[in-house]
Amino acid sequence: MDRAGMDEAEEQVWVTDWMEVGADLVEQFADLTEDWNPIHVDEDAARASGLPGTIAHGFLLISLLAPLLSDSGHPLGDTPNLLNYGFDSLRFIAPVPSGSRIRAHFREAGRERVKLGTRCAMDVEIEVEGVERPAMAARWIMLKRG
C-alpha cells in the first residue's frame, strides 16, 4: 500500500483512553464464544498453568478493535461504510490479565484505491497498563466503501 499523499494527521499515532478488561467481560466473551478454556475462567487453573490469574482471550482483544478505533478519535472510527478486510499480521505477545487496563495505539500504514473503494492498512498495538511489551500487535486491513 502506498503512503504517498498521506497527510500529517494520517502520520500521527492515535491513542485511546484506558479501558478495563474485567473478569465479567472475559466471562461474557467465554459464554458468547463457548470458549471456556480454564485460563480464561478459572483462577486456580490459570495460576497452575503459570499465569498470574485468568487472562483475556486473544479474540476478545480483536473484537475490541472497532470500538477502540472509534474511541481513538481517528476519522475512520466513525466511518459507517468501513468493512473489516482482515489482517496482514497478528501476534499475541503478552497476556492481558483479567481486571487489567488496556489502551490501543493506531497508526495508518497506507491506503490503496481498489475497485470497491479504498483499502486502508492500520498498524495497531494494544498496551497493558504497567507492562512494557505490547499485548498484541497487528496490521489491520479495512475497506472504506465508495
Foldseek 3Di string as FASTA:
>chain_A
DDPPPPDPVLQDKQKADKDAQALVNQVVVCVVVVPPDCLANPQVVVVVVPHNGRFHDPVVVVVCVLVLVLRSVPPVSPQPQKAFPFFPDKDQDDTHHHGWIKMKIKHWDDWDQDPFAIKTWIWMFIPTPPDDDTRMITTTIMGRGD
